[in-house]
Amino acid sequence: MISHLPKLPLPKLPLIALVMLAAACAPKKPPVALEAPPATARPEMASPPAEERPATVETGGSSIVPGSQDDLRAKAGSDTVLFGYDSYELDGVARATLLRHAEWLRANPQVRVTLEGHCDERGTREYNLALGDRRANSAKNFLAGQGVDVARLTTISYGKEKPAVDGSDEAAHAQNRRAVTMVMNR
């Protein structure tokens, strides 16, 4: 019956079919995951693009964002000026600090600040709110006199509500009689 077909060696045909069938039915191996390169090898993949993150300045092992509160403190030495008892007059040290604040604000024209006025615990709430307002405005007026646009400067008085230092001695009182320059945005 099969005499008209050419004779093939039988072992080869079933062997080829068996290998093909085994390859088709064999379970598939999951693809081998390649190890990602270390972050230092491709820093552009480890962090967002430069235009999406603020530039930083390395200082003593920490990063400071230009135009930030930390940047103001680092460049001006302090974000705070102190006042004498029952006074809103700027002394020489306060003026020197505010000169550095003005210089920093001119170098960071996109920044707006709030000048916070604070008092020690002595006196009534109302009196200290008014004195804190005069202290904040004293700092604001000094900065405006140095060429800082007043549209970038706002004031608020906290009176005796937010002491920097707890205590009822003169050392604590001296630290609480202050105006603080607070960066509001970049």
N, C-alpha and C. Protein backbone atom coordinates (compact mmCIF):
# COMPACT_ATOMS: atom_id res chain seq x y z
N MET A 1 0.78 -1.18 0.00
CA MET A 1 0.00 0.00 0.00
C MET A 1 0.84 1.27 0.00
N ILE A 2 1.84 1.31 0.71
CA ILE A 2 2.67 2.49 0.76
C ILE A 2 3.85 2.32 -0.20
N SER A 3 3.74 1.50 -1.11
CA SER A 3 4.86 1.19 -1.98
C SER A 3 5.21 2.33 -2.93
N HIS A 4 4.30 3.22 -3.22
CA HIS A 4 4.61 4.28 -4.16
C HIS A 4 5.37 5.46 -3.48
N LEU A 5 5.46 5.53 -2.19
CA LEU A 5 6.21 6.59 -1.49
C LEU A 5 7.67 6.21 -1.41
N PRO A 6 8.54 7.23 -1.51
CA PRO A 6 9.95 6.90 -1.36
C PRO A 6 10.23 6.44 0.07
N LYS A 7 11.18 5.64 0.17
CA LYS A 7 11.52 5.09 1.48
C LYS A 7 12.49 6.04 2.18
N LEU A 8 12.07 6.53 3.31
CA LEU A 8 12.92 7.37 4.15
C LEU A 8 13.35 6.55 5.34
N PRO A 9 14.49 6.85 5.80
CA PRO A 9 14.86 6.12 7.01
C PRO A 9 13.93 6.54 8.14
N LEU A 10 13.29 5.65 8.73
CA LEU A 10 12.28 5.90 9.74
C LEU A 10 12.81 6.58 11.00
N PRO A 11 13.94 6.27 11.47
CA PRO A 11 14.35 6.89 12.72
C PRO A 11 14.52 8.41 12.63
N LYS A 12 14.88 9.00 11.47
CA LYS A 12 15.13 10.42 11.38
C LYS A 12 13.85 11.25 11.46
N LEU A 13 12.81 10.86 10.76
CA LEU A 13 11.57 11.62 10.74
C LEU A 13 10.91 11.69 12.11
N PRO A 14 10.71 10.60 12.79
CA PRO A 14 10.10 10.70 14.12
C PRO A 14 10.99 11.46 15.10
N LEU A 15 12.28 11.40 14.96
CA LEU A 15 13.18 12.10 15.86
C LEU A 15 13.05 13.62 15.67
N ILE A 16 12.97 14.09 14.43
CA ILE A 16 12.82 15.52 14.15
C ILE A 16 11.47 16.01 14.68
N ALA A 17 10.43 15.24 14.44
CA ALA A 17 9.10 15.62 14.92
C ALA A 17 9.07 15.65 16.43
N LEU A 18 9.70 14.73 17.08
CA LEU A 18 9.73 14.67 18.53
C LEU A 18 10.47 15.87 19.12
N VAL A 19 11.59 16.28 18.52
CA VAL A 19 12.35 17.43 18.99
C VAL A 19 11.52 18.71 18.83
N MET A 20 10.85 18.84 17.67
CA MET A 20 10.03 20.02 17.43
C MET A 20 8.85 20.08 18.40
N LEU A 21 8.23 18.93 18.65
CA LEU A 21 7.11 18.88 19.57
C LEU A 21 7.56 19.19 21.00
N ALA A 22 8.69 18.71 21.39
CA ALA A 22 9.22 18.97 22.73
C ALA A 22 9.56 20.45 22.90
N ALA A 23 10.12 21.07 21.87
CA ALA A 23 10.46 22.48 21.95
C ALA A 23 9.20 23.34 22.05
N ALA A 24 8.16 22.95 21.34
CA ALA A 24 6.92 23.73 21.37
C ALA A 24 6.19 23.58 22.70
N CYS A 25 6.29 22.46 23.32
CA CYS A 25 5.56 22.20 24.57
C CYS A 25 6.36 22.50 25.82
N ALA A 26 7.64 22.74 25.70
CA ALA A 26 8.47 22.98 26.87
C ALA A 26 8.06 24.29 27.56
N PRO A 27 8.09 24.31 28.90
CA PRO A 27 7.75 25.56 29.59
C PRO A 27 8.77 26.64 29.24
N LYS A 28 8.28 27.86 29.10
CA LYS A 28 9.15 28.98 28.74
C LYS A 28 9.84 29.51 29.99
N LYS A 29 11.11 29.79 29.85
CA LYS A 29 11.86 30.39 30.93
C LYS A 29 11.56 31.89 30.95
N PRO A 30 11.42 32.45 32.15
CA PRO A 30 11.22 33.90 32.19
C PRO A 30 12.47 34.59 31.67
N PRO A 31 12.29 35.76 31.06
CA PRO A 31 13.47 36.46 30.56
C PRO A 31 14.41 36.81 31.71
N VAL A 32 15.66 36.77 31.44
CA VAL A 32 16.67 37.08 32.45
C VAL A 32 16.71 38.60 32.62
N ALA A 33 16.52 39.03 33.87
CA ALA A 33 16.57 40.47 34.16
C ALA A 33 18.02 40.89 34.23
N LEU A 34 18.34 41.91 33.49
CA LEU A 34 19.69 42.43 33.54
C LEU A 34 19.82 43.34 34.75
N GLU A 35 20.93 43.27 35.41
CA GLU A 35 21.15 44.11 36.58
C GLU A 35 21.28 45.56 36.14
N ALA A 36 20.57 46.44 36.84
CA ALA A 36 20.63 47.87 36.51
C ALA A 36 22.00 48.39 36.88
N PRO A 37 22.51 49.33 36.10
CA PRO A 37 23.81 49.90 36.45
C PRO A 37 23.69 50.71 37.73
N PRO A 38 24.77 50.85 38.47
CA PRO A 38 24.71 51.65 39.69
C PRO A 38 24.28 53.08 39.37
N ALA A 39 23.66 53.74 40.35
CA ALA A 39 23.14 55.09 40.15
C ALA A 39 24.25 56.07 39.76
N THR A 40 25.44 55.83 40.23
CA THR A 40 26.53 56.74 39.90
C THR A 40 26.97 56.59 38.45
N ALA A 41 26.67 55.42 37.83
CA ALA A 41 27.07 55.23 36.45
C ALA A 41 26.22 56.06 35.51
N ARG A 42 24.92 56.28 35.85
CA ARG A 42 24.03 57.06 35.01
C ARG A 42 23.22 58.01 35.89
N PRO A 43 23.80 59.10 36.36
CA PRO A 43 23.10 59.99 37.28
C PRO A 43 21.84 60.58 36.68
N GLU A 44 21.77 60.71 35.34
CA GLU A 44 20.57 61.27 34.75
C GLU A 44 19.36 60.37 34.97
N MET A 45 19.57 59.12 35.24
CA MET A 45 18.47 58.21 35.50
C MET A 45 18.14 58.17 36.99
N ALA A 46 19.07 58.57 37.85
CA ALA A 46 18.87 58.48 39.29
C ALA A 46 18.08 59.66 39.84
N SER A 47 18.00 60.77 39.13
CA SER A 47 17.29 61.94 39.63
C SER A 47 16.56 62.61 38.48
N PRO A 48 15.58 63.46 38.82
CA PRO A 48 14.85 64.14 37.75
C PRO A 48 15.76 65.06 36.96
N PRO A 49 15.35 65.41 35.75
CA PRO A 49 16.16 66.32 34.95
C PRO A 49 16.41 67.63 35.69
N ALA A 50 17.51 68.29 35.36
CA ALA A 50 17.92 69.50 36.06
C ALA A 50 16.85 70.58 36.03
N GLU A 51 16.10 70.67 34.93
CA GLU A 51 15.08 71.71 34.86
C GLU A 51 13.90 71.44 35.78
N GLU A 52 13.77 70.22 36.32
CA GLU A 52 12.67 69.88 37.22
C GLU A 52 13.05 69.92 38.68
N ARG A 53 14.32 70.08 38.99
CA ARG A 53 14.73 70.14 40.39
C ARG A 53 15.51 71.42 40.63
N PRO A 54 15.40 71.98 41.86
CA PRO A 54 16.13 73.21 42.13
C PRO A 54 17.63 72.95 42.20
N ALA A 55 18.39 73.90 41.76
CA ALA A 55 19.84 73.80 41.87
C ALA A 55 20.21 73.86 43.34
N THR A 56 21.28 73.19 43.71
CA THR A 56 21.72 73.22 45.10
C THR A 56 23.17 73.64 45.16
N VAL A 57 23.55 74.10 46.31
CA VAL A 57 24.92 74.50 46.55
C VAL A 57 25.44 73.64 47.68
N GLU A 58 26.57 73.01 47.47
CA GLU A 58 27.16 72.16 48.49
C GLU A 58 27.89 73.03 49.50
N THR A 59 27.53 72.87 50.77
CA THR A 59 28.23 73.59 51.83
C THR A 59 28.41 72.66 53.02
N GLY A 60 29.62 72.27 53.25
CA GLY A 60 29.94 71.46 54.42
C GLY A 60 29.19 70.14 54.47
N GLY A 61 28.99 69.49 53.33
CA GLY A 61 28.35 68.19 53.31
C GLY A 61 26.84 68.25 53.20
N SER A 62 26.24 69.44 53.17
CA SER A 62 24.79 69.51 53.00
C SER A 62 24.47 70.34 51.78
N SER A 63 23.29 70.13 51.24
CA SER A 63 22.87 70.87 50.07
C SER A 63 21.92 71.97 50.48
N ILE A 64 22.16 73.17 50.00
CA ILE A 64 21.30 74.31 50.28
C ILE A 64 20.72 74.79 48.97
N VAL A 65 19.41 74.91 48.92
CA VAL A 65 18.73 75.38 47.73
C VAL A 65 18.84 76.90 47.67
N PRO A 66 19.38 77.45 46.58
CA PRO A 66 19.47 78.91 46.47
C PRO A 66 18.08 79.54 46.58
N GLY A 67 17.98 80.64 47.29
CA GLY A 67 16.72 81.33 47.47
C GLY A 67 15.87 80.79 48.60
N SER A 68 16.39 79.82 49.35
CA SER A 68 15.64 79.22 50.46
C SER A 68 15.98 79.89 51.79
N GLN A 69 15.22 79.53 52.82
CA GLN A 69 15.48 80.05 54.17
C GLN A 69 16.89 79.68 54.62
N ASP A 70 17.30 78.44 54.33
CA ASP A 70 18.66 78.01 54.70
C ASP A 70 19.72 78.82 53.96
N ASP A 71 19.45 79.16 52.70
CA ASP A 71 20.37 79.97 51.93
C ASP A 71 20.51 81.36 52.55
N LEU A 72 19.38 81.96 52.95
CA LEU A 72 19.42 83.26 53.61
C LEU A 72 20.27 83.19 54.87
N ARG A 73 20.02 82.18 55.70
CA ARG A 73 20.81 82.03 56.94
C ARG A 73 22.29 81.86 56.65
N ALA A 74 22.60 81.04 55.64
CA ALA A 74 24.00 80.78 55.31
C ALA A 74 24.70 82.03 54.79
N LYS A 75 24.03 82.78 53.94
CA LYS A 75 24.66 83.96 53.33
C LYS A 75 24.66 85.17 54.26
N ALA A 76 23.60 85.34 55.05
CA ALA A 76 23.50 86.53 55.92
C ALA A 76 24.00 86.26 57.33
N GLY A 77 24.23 85.01 57.66
CA GLY A 77 24.68 84.68 59.02
C GLY A 77 23.54 84.42 59.98
N SER A 78 22.37 84.99 59.70
CA SER A 78 21.20 84.82 60.56
C SER A 78 19.99 85.35 59.82
N ASP A 79 18.82 84.86 60.18
CA ASP A 79 17.59 85.42 59.62
C ASP A 79 16.88 86.29 60.66
N THR A 80 17.55 86.56 61.78
CA THR A 80 16.94 87.23 62.92
C THR A 80 17.75 88.45 63.35
N VAL A 81 17.03 89.52 63.70
CA VAL A 81 17.65 90.68 64.35
C VAL A 81 16.99 90.86 65.70
N LEU A 82 17.77 91.29 66.68
CA LEU A 82 17.28 91.45 68.05
C LEU A 82 17.08 92.92 68.40
N PHE A 83 16.21 93.15 69.37
CA PHE A 83 15.89 94.51 69.80
C PHE A 83 16.10 94.63 71.31
N GLY A 84 16.27 95.86 71.75
CA GLY A 84 16.36 96.15 73.17
C GLY A 84 14.98 96.10 73.80
N TYR A 85 14.96 96.14 75.13
CA TYR A 85 13.70 96.11 75.89
C TYR A 85 12.81 97.28 75.50
N ASP A 86 11.56 96.97 75.19
CA ASP A 86 10.53 97.97 74.88
C ASP A 86 10.97 98.91 73.74
N SER A 87 11.68 98.34 72.74
CA SER A 87 12.22 99.16 71.66
C SER A 87 12.00 98.50 70.30
N TYR A 88 11.92 99.33 69.29
CA TYR A 88 11.89 98.85 67.91
C TYR A 88 12.99 99.53 67.09
N GLU A 89 13.95 100.13 67.80
CA GLU A 89 15.10 100.77 67.17
C GLU A 89 16.12 99.70 66.76
N LEU A 90 16.67 99.85 65.55
CA LEU A 90 17.70 98.93 65.05
C LEU A 90 19.07 99.39 65.53
N ASP A 91 19.79 98.50 66.24
CA ASP A 91 21.15 98.85 66.64
C ASP A 91 22.12 98.50 65.51
N GLY A 92 23.39 98.72 65.72
CA GLY A 92 24.41 98.47 64.69
C GLY A 92 24.47 97.02 64.23
N VAL A 93 24.32 96.09 65.16
CA VAL A 93 24.35 94.67 64.80
C VAL A 93 23.13 94.32 63.93
N ALA A 94 21.97 94.82 64.32
CA ALA A 94 20.75 94.56 63.54
C ALA A 94 20.86 95.17 62.15
N ARG A 95 21.39 96.37 62.06
CA ARG A 95 21.54 97.02 60.75
C ARG A 95 22.50 96.23 59.86
N ALA A 96 23.59 95.74 60.44
CA ALA A 96 24.56 94.95 59.66
C ALA A 96 23.90 93.67 59.14
N THR A 97 23.12 93.02 59.97
CA THR A 97 22.42 91.80 59.55
C THR A 97 21.43 92.12 58.44
N LEU A 98 20.65 93.20 58.62
CA LEU A 98 19.65 93.56 57.61
C LEU A 98 20.31 94.02 56.30
N LEU A 99 21.52 94.59 56.37
CA LEU A 99 22.25 94.92 55.14
C LEU A 99 22.54 93.64 54.35
N ARG A 100 22.93 92.57 55.07
CA ARG A 100 23.18 91.29 54.41
C ARG A 100 21.87 90.69 53.87
N HIS A 101 20.76 90.90 54.59
CA HIS A 101 19.45 90.43 54.09
C HIS A 101 19.11 91.17 52.79
N ALA A 102 19.34 92.48 52.77
CA ALA A 102 19.04 93.27 51.57
C ALA A 102 19.89 92.81 50.39
N GLU A 103 21.17 92.56 50.64
CA GLU A 103 22.06 92.07 49.59
C GLU A 103 21.56 90.73 49.05
N TRP A 104 21.17 89.85 49.96
CA TRP A 104 20.66 88.52 49.56
C TRP A 104 19.36 88.67 48.78
N LEU A 105 18.47 89.55 49.21
CA LEU A 105 17.20 89.76 48.50
C LEU A 105 17.43 90.34 47.11
N ARG A 106 18.39 91.23 46.97
CA ARG A 106 18.71 91.77 45.63
C ARG A 106 19.26 90.67 44.74
N ALA A 107 20.01 89.74 45.30
CA ALA A 107 20.57 88.62 44.52
C ALA A 107 19.51 87.56 44.20
N ASN A 108 18.39 87.59 44.91
CA ASN A 108 17.31 86.62 44.71
C ASN A 108 16.00 87.36 44.45
N PRO A 109 15.88 88.02 43.30
CA PRO A 109 14.73 88.90 43.05
C PRO A 109 13.39 88.18 42.97
N GLN A 110 13.37 86.88 42.83
CA GLN A 110 12.13 86.12 42.76
C GLN A 110 11.55 85.82 44.15
N VAL A 111 12.30 86.09 45.19
CA VAL A 111 11.90 85.72 46.55
C VAL A 111 11.10 86.83 47.22
N ARG A 112 10.02 86.41 47.89
CA ARG A 112 9.23 87.30 48.75
C ARG A 112 9.47 86.86 50.19
N VAL A 113 9.45 87.81 51.10
CA VAL A 113 9.66 87.48 52.52
C VAL A 113 8.58 88.11 53.38
N THR A 114 8.38 87.50 54.54
CA THR A 114 7.54 88.08 55.59
C THR A 114 8.44 88.40 56.76
N LEU A 115 8.33 89.62 57.25
CA LEU A 115 9.10 90.04 58.42
C LEU A 115 8.20 89.85 59.64
N GLU A 116 8.61 88.95 60.52
CA GLU A 116 7.83 88.62 61.71
C GLU A 116 8.34 89.43 62.90
N GLY A 117 7.43 90.12 63.59
CA GLY A 117 7.79 90.84 64.80
C GLY A 117 7.41 90.04 66.04
N HIS A 118 8.33 89.94 66.99
CA HIS A 118 8.13 89.15 68.21
C HIS A 118 8.54 89.96 69.44
N CYS A 119 7.99 89.58 70.58
CA CYS A 119 8.28 90.25 71.86
C CYS A 119 8.54 89.20 72.93
N ASP A 120 9.06 89.66 74.07
CA ASP A 120 9.20 88.75 75.21
C ASP A 120 7.86 88.66 75.92
N GLU A 121 7.80 87.90 76.98
CA GLU A 121 6.53 87.60 77.65
C GLU A 121 5.95 88.74 78.49
N ARG A 122 6.74 89.75 78.75
CA ARG A 122 6.26 90.85 79.59
C ARG A 122 5.32 91.76 78.81
N GLY A 123 4.37 92.35 79.48
CA GLY A 123 3.42 93.26 78.83
C GLY A 123 2.14 92.54 78.43
N THR A 124 1.14 93.33 78.10
CA THR A 124 -0.15 92.74 77.70
C THR A 124 -0.06 92.20 76.28
N ARG A 125 -1.01 91.38 75.96
CA ARG A 125 -1.08 90.81 74.62
C ARG A 125 -1.18 91.92 73.57
N GLU A 126 -2.06 92.88 73.80
CA GLU A 126 -2.27 93.97 72.86
C GLU A 126 -1.02 94.83 72.69
N TYR A 127 -0.38 95.15 73.82
CA TYR A 127 0.83 95.97 73.75
C TYR A 127 1.90 95.25 72.94
N ASN A 128 2.09 93.95 73.21
CA ASN A 128 3.14 93.20 72.52
C ASN A 128 2.83 93.00 71.04
N LEU A 129 1.54 92.86 70.67
CA LEU A 129 1.20 92.78 69.25
C LEU A 129 1.58 94.08 68.54
N ALA A 130 1.30 95.22 69.18
CA ALA A 130 1.65 96.51 68.59
C ALA A 130 3.17 96.70 68.51
N LEU A 131 3.89 96.31 69.55
CA LEU A 131 5.35 96.42 69.55
C LEU A 131 5.95 95.48 68.50
N GLY A 132 5.44 94.27 68.40
CA GLY A 132 5.92 93.33 67.37
C GLY A 132 5.70 93.88 65.97
N ASP A 133 4.56 94.56 65.77
CA ASP A 133 4.28 95.18 64.48
C ASP A 133 5.30 96.28 64.18
N ARG A 134 5.63 97.09 65.17
CA ARG A 134 6.62 98.15 64.97
C ARG A 134 8.00 97.57 64.67
N ARG A 135 8.35 96.46 65.30
CA ARG A 135 9.64 95.81 65.04
C ARG A 135 9.69 95.25 63.62
N ALA A 136 8.62 94.59 63.20
CA ALA A 136 8.59 94.05 61.83
C ALA A 136 8.67 95.18 60.81
N ASN A 137 7.93 96.25 61.05
CA ASN A 137 7.95 97.39 60.13
C ASN A 137 9.28 98.13 60.14
N SER A 138 9.95 98.15 61.27
CA SER A 138 11.27 98.76 61.34
C SER A 138 12.24 98.00 60.42
N ALA A 139 12.20 96.68 60.46
CA ALA A 139 13.05 95.86 59.58
C ALA A 139 12.63 96.04 58.11
N LYS A 140 11.34 96.07 57.86
CA LYS A 140 10.83 96.26 56.49
C LYS A 140 11.29 97.60 55.93
N ASN A 141 11.13 98.66 56.70
CA ASN A 141 11.52 99.99 56.23
C ASN A 141 13.02 100.07 55.96
N PHE A 142 13.82 99.40 56.79
CA PHE A 142 15.26 99.40 56.56
C PHE A 142 15.57 98.71 55.23
N LEU A 143 14.96 97.54 54.98
CA LEU A 143 15.20 96.82 53.72
C LEU A 143 14.74 97.64 52.53
N ALA A 144 13.60 98.29 52.64
CA ALA A 144 13.11 99.14 51.55
C ALA A 144 14.09 100.28 51.28
N GLY A 145 14.66 100.82 52.34
CA GLY A 145 15.67 101.88 52.20
C GLY A 145 16.94 101.41 51.51
N GLN A 146 17.14 100.09 51.48
CA GLN A 146 18.31 99.51 50.82
C GLN A 146 18.00 99.09 49.38
N GLY A 147 16.81 99.45 48.92
CA GLY A 147 16.47 99.17 47.52
C GLY A 147 15.65 97.92 47.28
N VAL A 148 15.19 97.26 48.33
CA VAL A 148 14.36 96.07 48.15
C VAL A 148 12.93 96.54 47.89
N ASP A 149 12.30 96.03 46.84
CA ASP A 149 10.94 96.41 46.47
C ASP A 149 9.98 96.04 47.61
N VAL A 150 9.21 97.02 48.10
CA VAL A 150 8.29 96.78 49.21
C VAL A 150 7.19 95.78 48.84
N ALA A 151 6.93 95.59 47.56
CA ALA A 151 5.93 94.59 47.13
C ALA A 151 6.38 93.17 47.49
N ARG A 152 7.66 92.99 47.73
CA ARG A 152 8.19 91.67 48.11
C ARG A 152 8.23 91.47 49.61
N LEU A 153 7.87 92.51 50.38
CA LEU A 153 7.99 92.49 51.84
C LEU A 153 6.62 92.59 52.50
N THR A 154 6.29 91.63 53.34
CA THR A 154 5.08 91.73 54.15
C THR A 154 5.49 91.64 55.61
N THR A 155 4.60 92.07 56.49
CA THR A 155 4.90 92.01 57.92
C THR A 155 3.76 91.32 58.66
N ILE A 156 4.11 90.76 59.80
CA ILE A 156 3.14 90.17 60.71
C ILE A 156 3.71 90.29 62.12
N SER A 157 2.84 90.47 63.09
CA SER A 157 3.27 90.51 64.48
C SER A 157 2.70 89.31 65.21
N TYR A 158 3.56 88.63 65.95
CA TYR A 158 3.12 87.54 66.80
C TYR A 158 3.13 87.94 68.27
N GLY A 159 3.58 89.17 68.56
CA GLY A 159 3.64 89.60 69.94
C GLY A 159 4.47 88.64 70.76
N LYS A 160 3.89 88.17 71.86
CA LYS A 160 4.62 87.23 72.73
C LYS A 160 4.18 85.79 72.50
N GLU A 161 3.40 85.53 71.45
CA GLU A 161 2.79 84.22 71.23
C GLU A 161 3.74 83.13 70.76
N LYS A 162 4.85 83.49 70.14
CA LYS A 162 5.77 82.48 69.61
C LYS A 162 7.20 82.76 70.08
N PRO A 163 7.48 82.46 71.33
CA PRO A 163 8.85 82.72 71.81
C PRO A 163 9.87 81.81 71.14
N ALA A 164 11.04 82.34 70.89
CA ALA A 164 12.13 81.53 70.34
C ALA A 164 12.76 80.68 71.43
N VAL A 165 12.74 81.20 72.66
CA VAL A 165 13.36 80.55 73.81
C VAL A 165 12.38 80.58 74.97
N ASP A 166 12.21 79.46 75.63
CA ASP A 166 11.37 79.43 76.83
C ASP A 166 12.19 79.94 78.02
N GLY A 167 11.53 80.65 78.88
CA GLY A 167 12.21 81.13 80.08
C GLY A 167 11.73 82.53 80.44
N SER A 168 11.95 82.87 81.71
CA SER A 168 11.52 84.18 82.21
C SER A 168 12.69 85.02 82.70
N ASP A 169 13.89 84.67 82.27
CA ASP A 169 15.06 85.47 82.67
C ASP A 169 15.46 86.40 81.52
N GLU A 170 16.39 87.28 81.78
CA GLU A 170 16.78 88.27 80.78
C GLU A 170 17.39 87.63 79.54
N ALA A 171 18.11 86.52 79.70
CA ALA A 171 18.70 85.85 78.53
C ALA A 171 17.60 85.37 77.58
N ALA A 172 16.54 84.78 78.12
CA ALA A 172 15.41 84.33 77.28
C ALA A 172 14.69 85.54 76.69
N HIS A 173 14.45 86.56 77.50
CA HIS A 173 13.77 87.76 77.01
C HIS A 173 14.53 88.38 75.84
N ALA A 174 15.85 88.46 75.94
CA ALA A 174 16.67 89.08 74.90
C ALA A 174 16.55 88.33 73.57
N GLN A 175 16.43 87.01 73.61
CA GLN A 175 16.30 86.22 72.38
C GLN A 175 14.90 86.32 71.78
N ASN A 176 13.92 86.64 72.60
CA ASN A 176 12.53 86.71 72.12
C ASN A 176 12.16 88.08 71.56
N ARG A 177 12.93 89.11 71.84
CA ARG A 177 12.68 90.45 71.30
C ARG A 177 13.37 90.52 69.93
N ARG A 178 12.60 90.21 68.88
CA ARG A 178 13.26 90.00 67.59
C ARG A 178 12.33 90.28 66.41
N ALA A 179 12.96 90.38 65.23
CA ALA A 179 12.26 90.36 63.95
C ALA A 179 12.95 89.28 63.12
N VAL A 180 12.16 88.43 62.50
CA VAL A 180 12.69 87.31 61.72
C VAL A 180 12.27 87.49 60.26
N THR A 181 13.23 87.36 59.36
CA THR A 181 12.96 87.42 57.92
C THR A 181 12.67 86.00 57.45
N MET A 182 11.43 85.74 57.05
CA MET A 182 11.00 84.40 56.63
C MET A 182 10.77 84.36 55.12
N VAL A 183 11.46 83.47 54.44
CA VAL A 183 11.31 83.30 52.99
C VAL A 183 9.94 82.66 52.72
N MET A 184 9.18 83.29 51.85
CA MET A 184 7.82 82.80 51.57
C MET A 184 7.75 81.93 50.33
N ASN A 185 8.52 82.20 49.32
CA ASN A 185 8.49 81.39 48.10
C ASN A 185 9.77 81.61 47.33
N ARG A 186 9.91 80.79 46.28
CA ARG A 186 11.06 80.92 45.39
C ARG A 186 10.57 81.27 44.03
